[in-house]
């Protein structure tokens, strides 16, 4: 699967407000904040891209589903299960 963003892009420092107790507890456990934020953003990006794709292709998806409901799935006649 192709990357959804440039993984070799330079890093950039940002200022993000965060719950102070959450930050304290994460630091106590030596959680890598940068890696955790990047992981969370990548997950959100994936969900957002998937949702956007679904919206952009909803007409085609509905059309295909209607076709399958009416005529069956392509290759049904060859199924042995």
N, C-alpha and C. Protein backbone atom coordinates (compact mmCIF):
# COMPACT_ATOMS: atom_id res chain seq x y z
N UNK A 1 0.84 -1.18 0.00
CA UNK A 1 0.00 0.00 0.00
C UNK A 1 0.89 1.24 0.00
N UNK A 2 0.57 2.18 -0.81
CA UNK A 2 1.35 3.41 -0.91
C UNK A 2 1.18 4.25 0.36
N UNK A 3 2.25 4.93 0.73
CA UNK A 3 2.17 5.82 1.88
C UNK A 3 1.21 6.96 1.59
N UNK A 4 0.53 7.41 2.61
CA UNK A 4 -0.46 8.47 2.46
C UNK A 4 0.14 9.85 2.68
N UNK A 5 1.41 9.87 3.02
CA UNK A 5 2.12 11.12 3.24
C UNK A 5 3.61 10.86 3.02
N UNK A 6 4.39 11.92 2.91
CA UNK A 6 5.83 11.80 2.66
C UNK A 6 6.53 11.45 3.97
N UNK A 7 6.89 10.19 4.13
CA UNK A 7 7.52 9.73 5.37
C UNK A 7 8.93 10.26 5.56
N UNK A 8 9.54 10.79 4.50
CA UNK A 8 10.90 11.32 4.63
C UNK A 8 10.90 12.86 4.73
N UNK A 9 9.73 13.46 4.86
CA UNK A 9 9.67 14.91 5.02
C UNK A 9 10.36 15.31 6.32
N UNK A 10 10.96 16.49 6.35
CA UNK A 10 11.65 16.91 7.58
C UNK A 10 10.67 17.07 8.74
N UNK A 11 11.18 16.86 9.93
CA UNK A 11 10.37 17.04 11.13
C UNK A 11 10.21 18.53 11.41
N UNK A 12 9.11 18.85 12.10
CA UNK A 12 8.81 20.24 12.40
C UNK A 12 8.36 20.33 13.85
N UNK A 13 8.91 21.26 14.59
CA UNK A 13 8.51 21.46 15.98
C UNK A 13 7.17 22.20 16.01
N UNK A 14 6.27 21.72 16.87
CA UNK A 14 4.97 22.36 17.03
C UNK A 14 4.66 22.53 18.51
N UNK A 15 3.81 23.48 18.79
CA UNK A 15 3.38 23.71 20.17
C UNK A 15 1.93 23.24 20.27
N UNK A 16 1.71 22.25 21.13
CA UNK A 16 0.38 21.65 21.25
C UNK A 16 -0.03 21.67 22.72
N UNK A 17 -1.16 22.32 23.02
CA UNK A 17 -1.63 22.26 24.41
C UNK A 17 -2.13 20.85 24.74
N UNK A 18 -1.82 20.38 25.94
CA UNK A 18 -2.22 19.03 26.34
C UNK A 18 -2.53 19.03 27.84
N UNK A 19 -3.38 18.14 28.24
CA UNK A 19 -3.74 17.99 29.65
C UNK A 19 -2.47 17.73 30.45
N UNK A 20 -2.24 18.54 31.47
CA UNK A 20 -0.98 18.47 32.22
C UNK A 20 -0.80 17.14 32.96
N UNK A 21 -1.88 16.58 33.48
CA UNK A 21 -1.78 15.31 34.18
C UNK A 21 -1.47 14.18 33.20
N UNK A 22 -2.10 14.22 32.05
CA UNK A 22 -1.83 13.23 31.01
C UNK A 22 -0.36 13.28 30.60
N UNK A 23 0.15 14.48 30.40
CA UNK A 23 1.55 14.66 30.01
C UNK A 23 2.48 14.15 31.10
N UNK A 24 2.19 14.48 32.34
CA UNK A 24 3.03 14.04 33.46
C UNK A 24 3.10 12.52 33.52
N UNK A 25 1.93 11.88 33.42
CA UNK A 25 1.89 10.42 33.50
C UNK A 25 2.59 9.76 32.31
N UNK A 26 2.45 10.34 31.13
CA UNK A 26 3.14 9.81 29.96
C UNK A 26 4.65 9.92 30.13
N UNK A 27 5.09 11.04 30.67
CA UNK A 27 6.54 11.22 30.89
C UNK A 27 7.06 10.25 31.94
N UNK A 28 6.26 9.99 32.98
CA UNK A 28 6.66 9.03 34.01
C UNK A 28 6.90 7.65 33.41
N UNK A 29 6.15 7.32 32.37
CA UNK A 29 6.29 6.01 31.73
C UNK A 29 7.23 6.06 30.52
N UNK A 30 7.92 7.18 30.36
CA UNK A 30 8.87 7.36 29.26
C UNK A 30 8.23 7.11 27.88
N UNK A 31 7.01 7.56 27.72
CA UNK A 31 6.33 7.43 26.43
C UNK A 31 6.89 8.47 25.49
N UNK A 32 7.27 8.05 24.30
CA UNK A 32 7.81 8.95 23.28
C UNK A 32 6.66 9.75 22.70
N UNK A 33 6.56 11.01 23.08
CA UNK A 33 5.44 11.84 22.67
C UNK A 33 5.40 12.06 21.16
N UNK A 34 6.53 12.31 20.56
CA UNK A 34 6.57 12.54 19.11
C UNK A 34 6.10 11.30 18.34
N UNK A 35 6.62 10.15 18.72
CA UNK A 35 6.25 8.91 18.03
C UNK A 35 4.77 8.60 18.24
N UNK A 36 4.28 8.83 19.45
CA UNK A 36 2.88 8.57 19.75
C UNK A 36 1.96 9.49 18.97
N UNK A 37 2.31 10.77 18.90
CA UNK A 37 1.51 11.72 18.14
C UNK A 37 1.53 11.38 16.65
N UNK A 38 2.70 11.05 16.12
CA UNK A 38 2.79 10.69 14.71
C UNK A 38 1.95 9.45 14.41
N UNK A 39 1.99 8.45 15.30
CA UNK A 39 1.20 7.24 15.11
C UNK A 39 -0.30 7.59 15.11
N UNK A 40 -0.72 8.40 16.09
CA UNK A 40 -2.14 8.78 16.19
C UNK A 40 -2.59 9.58 14.97
N UNK A 41 -1.75 10.49 14.52
CA UNK A 41 -2.11 11.29 13.34
C UNK A 41 -2.19 10.41 12.09
N UNK A 42 -1.30 9.44 11.97
CA UNK A 42 -1.33 8.53 10.83
C UNK A 42 -2.63 7.72 10.84
N UNK A 43 -3.04 7.25 12.01
CA UNK A 43 -4.30 6.51 12.13
C UNK A 43 -5.49 7.38 11.74
N UNK A 44 -5.52 8.61 12.23
CA UNK A 44 -6.61 9.53 11.91
C UNK A 44 -6.61 9.87 10.42
N UNK A 45 -5.43 10.05 9.86
CA UNK A 45 -5.31 10.32 8.43
C UNK A 45 -5.89 9.17 7.61
N UNK A 46 -5.56 7.95 7.99
CA UNK A 46 -6.08 6.77 7.29
C UNK A 46 -7.60 6.73 7.36
N UNK A 47 -8.16 6.96 8.55
CA UNK A 47 -9.62 6.97 8.69
C UNK A 47 -10.24 8.08 7.87
N UNK A 48 -9.63 9.26 7.89
CA UNK A 48 -10.16 10.39 7.13
C UNK A 48 -10.13 10.14 5.63
N UNK A 49 -9.04 9.57 5.15
CA UNK A 49 -8.92 9.27 3.72
C UNK A 49 -9.94 8.22 3.32
N UNK A 50 -10.13 7.19 4.15
CA UNK A 50 -11.12 6.15 3.86
C UNK A 50 -12.53 6.74 3.83
N UNK A 51 -12.84 7.60 4.78
CA UNK A 51 -14.17 8.22 4.82
C UNK A 51 -14.39 9.11 3.59
N UNK A 52 -13.37 9.86 3.23
CA UNK A 52 -13.46 10.72 2.05
C UNK A 52 -13.66 9.89 0.79
N UNK A 53 -12.93 8.77 0.67
CA UNK A 53 -13.07 7.89 -0.49
C UNK A 53 -14.50 7.36 -0.56
N UNK A 54 -15.04 6.95 0.59
CA UNK A 54 -16.41 6.44 0.63
C UNK A 54 -17.42 7.47 0.17
N UNK A 55 -17.23 8.71 0.61
CA UNK A 55 -18.14 9.79 0.19
C UNK A 55 -18.02 10.05 -1.30
N UNK A 56 -16.80 10.10 -1.79
CA UNK A 56 -16.57 10.39 -3.21
C UNK A 56 -17.08 9.28 -4.12
N UNK A 57 -17.16 8.06 -3.60
CA UNK A 57 -17.54 6.91 -4.42
C UNK A 57 -18.88 6.30 -4.01
N UNK A 58 -19.66 7.02 -3.21
CA UNK A 58 -20.91 6.47 -2.70
C UNK A 58 -21.90 6.12 -3.82
N UNK A 59 -21.93 6.91 -4.87
CA UNK A 59 -22.85 6.62 -5.98
C UNK A 59 -22.46 5.31 -6.66
N UNK A 60 -21.18 5.14 -6.94
CA UNK A 60 -20.71 3.91 -7.59
C UNK A 60 -20.91 2.70 -6.67
N UNK A 61 -20.66 2.87 -5.38
CA UNK A 61 -20.83 1.77 -4.43
C UNK A 61 -22.30 1.36 -4.37
N UNK A 62 -23.19 2.34 -4.30
CA UNK A 62 -24.63 2.04 -4.28
C UNK A 62 -25.04 1.34 -5.56
N UNK A 63 -24.56 1.82 -6.69
CA UNK A 63 -24.88 1.22 -7.97
C UNK A 63 -24.43 -0.23 -8.02
N UNK A 64 -23.22 -0.49 -7.57
CA UNK A 64 -22.70 -1.86 -7.55
C UNK A 64 -23.52 -2.74 -6.62
N UNK A 65 -23.81 -2.24 -5.42
CA UNK A 65 -24.61 -3.01 -4.47
C UNK A 65 -26.00 -3.32 -5.02
N UNK A 66 -26.61 -2.35 -5.70
CA UNK A 66 -27.91 -2.57 -6.33
C UNK A 66 -27.81 -3.65 -7.41
N UNK A 67 -26.75 -3.59 -8.20
CA UNK A 67 -26.53 -4.59 -9.25
C UNK A 67 -26.40 -5.98 -8.65
N UNK A 68 -25.60 -6.11 -7.60
CA UNK A 68 -25.37 -7.40 -6.95
C UNK A 68 -26.68 -7.92 -6.35
N UNK A 69 -27.44 -7.05 -5.75
CA UNK A 69 -28.72 -7.45 -5.17
C UNK A 69 -29.67 -7.97 -6.26
N UNK A 70 -29.63 -7.34 -7.40
CA UNK A 70 -30.53 -7.72 -8.49
C UNK A 70 -30.03 -8.93 -9.29
N UNK A 71 -28.72 -8.99 -9.54
CA UNK A 71 -28.17 -10.01 -10.45
C UNK A 71 -27.23 -11.01 -9.78
N UNK A 72 -26.87 -10.76 -8.55
CA UNK A 72 -25.89 -11.61 -7.88
C UNK A 72 -24.48 -11.09 -8.11
N UNK A 73 -23.54 -11.69 -7.43
CA UNK A 73 -22.14 -11.26 -7.49
C UNK A 73 -21.46 -11.83 -8.74
N UNK A 74 -20.53 -11.09 -9.31
CA UNK A 74 -19.77 -11.58 -10.45
C UNK A 74 -19.10 -12.90 -10.05
N UNK A 75 -19.21 -13.88 -10.91
CA UNK A 75 -18.55 -15.15 -10.66
C UNK A 75 -19.31 -16.10 -9.75
N UNK A 76 -20.53 -15.75 -9.35
CA UNK A 76 -21.29 -16.66 -8.48
C UNK A 76 -21.46 -18.03 -9.10
N UNK A 77 -21.59 -18.07 -10.41
CA UNK A 77 -21.81 -19.36 -11.07
C UNK A 77 -20.60 -20.28 -10.97
N UNK A 78 -19.44 -19.73 -10.63
CA UNK A 78 -18.22 -20.55 -10.52
C UNK A 78 -17.88 -20.92 -9.07
N UNK A 79 -18.63 -20.41 -8.14
CA UNK A 79 -18.37 -20.67 -6.72
C UNK A 79 -18.63 -22.12 -6.38
N UNK A 80 -17.77 -22.66 -5.55
CA UNK A 80 -17.96 -24.03 -5.07
C UNK A 80 -18.07 -24.06 -3.54
N UNK A 81 -18.35 -22.91 -2.94
CA UNK A 81 -18.48 -22.86 -1.49
C UNK A 81 -19.74 -22.15 -1.10
